[in-house]
């Protein structure tokens, strides 16, 4: 399965948005995880490609 790296943030945002609707108390954790992931992928652009192959 080939996953385009440009679509990953959109998928994460969609999943987190649904989870926030279902369980609003976990909002802080979801945002923190999202920001950490986006920061890591921004600092290490090849990281996502290595994880998916």
Protein backbone atom coordinates (compact mmCIF):
# COMPACT_ATOMS: atom_id res chain seq x y z
CA UNK A 1 0.00 0.00 0.00
CA UNK A 2 1.37 3.37 -1.03
CA UNK A 3 0.45 6.30 1.22
CA UNK A 4 1.20 9.79 -0.06
CA UNK A 5 3.05 11.77 2.65
CA UNK A 6 1.00 14.86 1.85
CA UNK A 7 -2.21 13.11 2.88
CA UNK A 8 -1.00 11.93 6.32
CA UNK A 9 -1.67 15.21 8.21
CA UNK A 10 -5.18 15.33 6.74
CA UNK A 11 -5.88 11.75 7.84
CA UNK A 12 -4.54 12.43 11.33
CA UNK A 13 -6.66 15.57 11.60
CA UNK A 14 -9.76 13.69 10.47
CA UNK A 15 -9.23 10.84 12.94
CA UNK A 16 -8.48 13.22 15.82
CA UNK A 17 -11.54 15.31 14.95
CA UNK A 18 -13.77 12.25 15.17
CA UNK A 19 -12.16 11.19 18.45
CA UNK A 20 -12.66 14.68 19.91
CA UNK A 21 -16.36 14.47 19.07
CA UNK A 22 -16.62 11.06 20.75
CA UNK A 23 -14.47 11.82 23.81
CA UNK A 24 -13.86 15.57 24.32
CA UNK A 25 -11.80 15.07 27.50
CA UNK A 26 -8.89 13.63 25.49
CA UNK A 27 -8.57 16.81 23.42
CA UNK A 28 -5.33 17.96 25.11
CA UNK A 29 -3.64 14.60 24.55
CA UNK A 30 -4.71 14.40 20.92
CA UNK A 31 -3.47 17.89 20.15
CA UNK A 32 -0.17 17.21 21.90
CA UNK A 33 0.38 13.98 19.97
CA UNK A 34 -0.55 15.66 16.69
CA UNK A 35 1.84 18.55 17.27
CA UNK A 36 4.67 16.20 18.24
CA UNK A 37 4.15 14.08 15.12
CA UNK A 38 3.97 17.10 12.80
CA UNK A 39 7.10 18.52 14.45
CA UNK A 40 9.02 15.26 14.03
CA UNK A 41 7.98 14.90 10.40
CA UNK A 42 8.94 18.54 9.80
CA UNK A 43 12.38 18.12 11.36
CA UNK A 44 13.06 14.74 9.78
CA UNK A 45 11.32 14.73 6.37
CA UNK A 46 12.56 11.25 5.46
CA UNK A 47 11.22 9.73 8.68
CA UNK A 48 7.73 9.13 7.34
CA UNK A 49 9.04 7.55 4.14
CA UNK A 50 11.22 5.14 6.14
CA UNK A 51 8.33 4.23 8.43
CA UNK A 52 5.99 3.44 5.55
CA UNK A 53 8.39 1.32 3.47
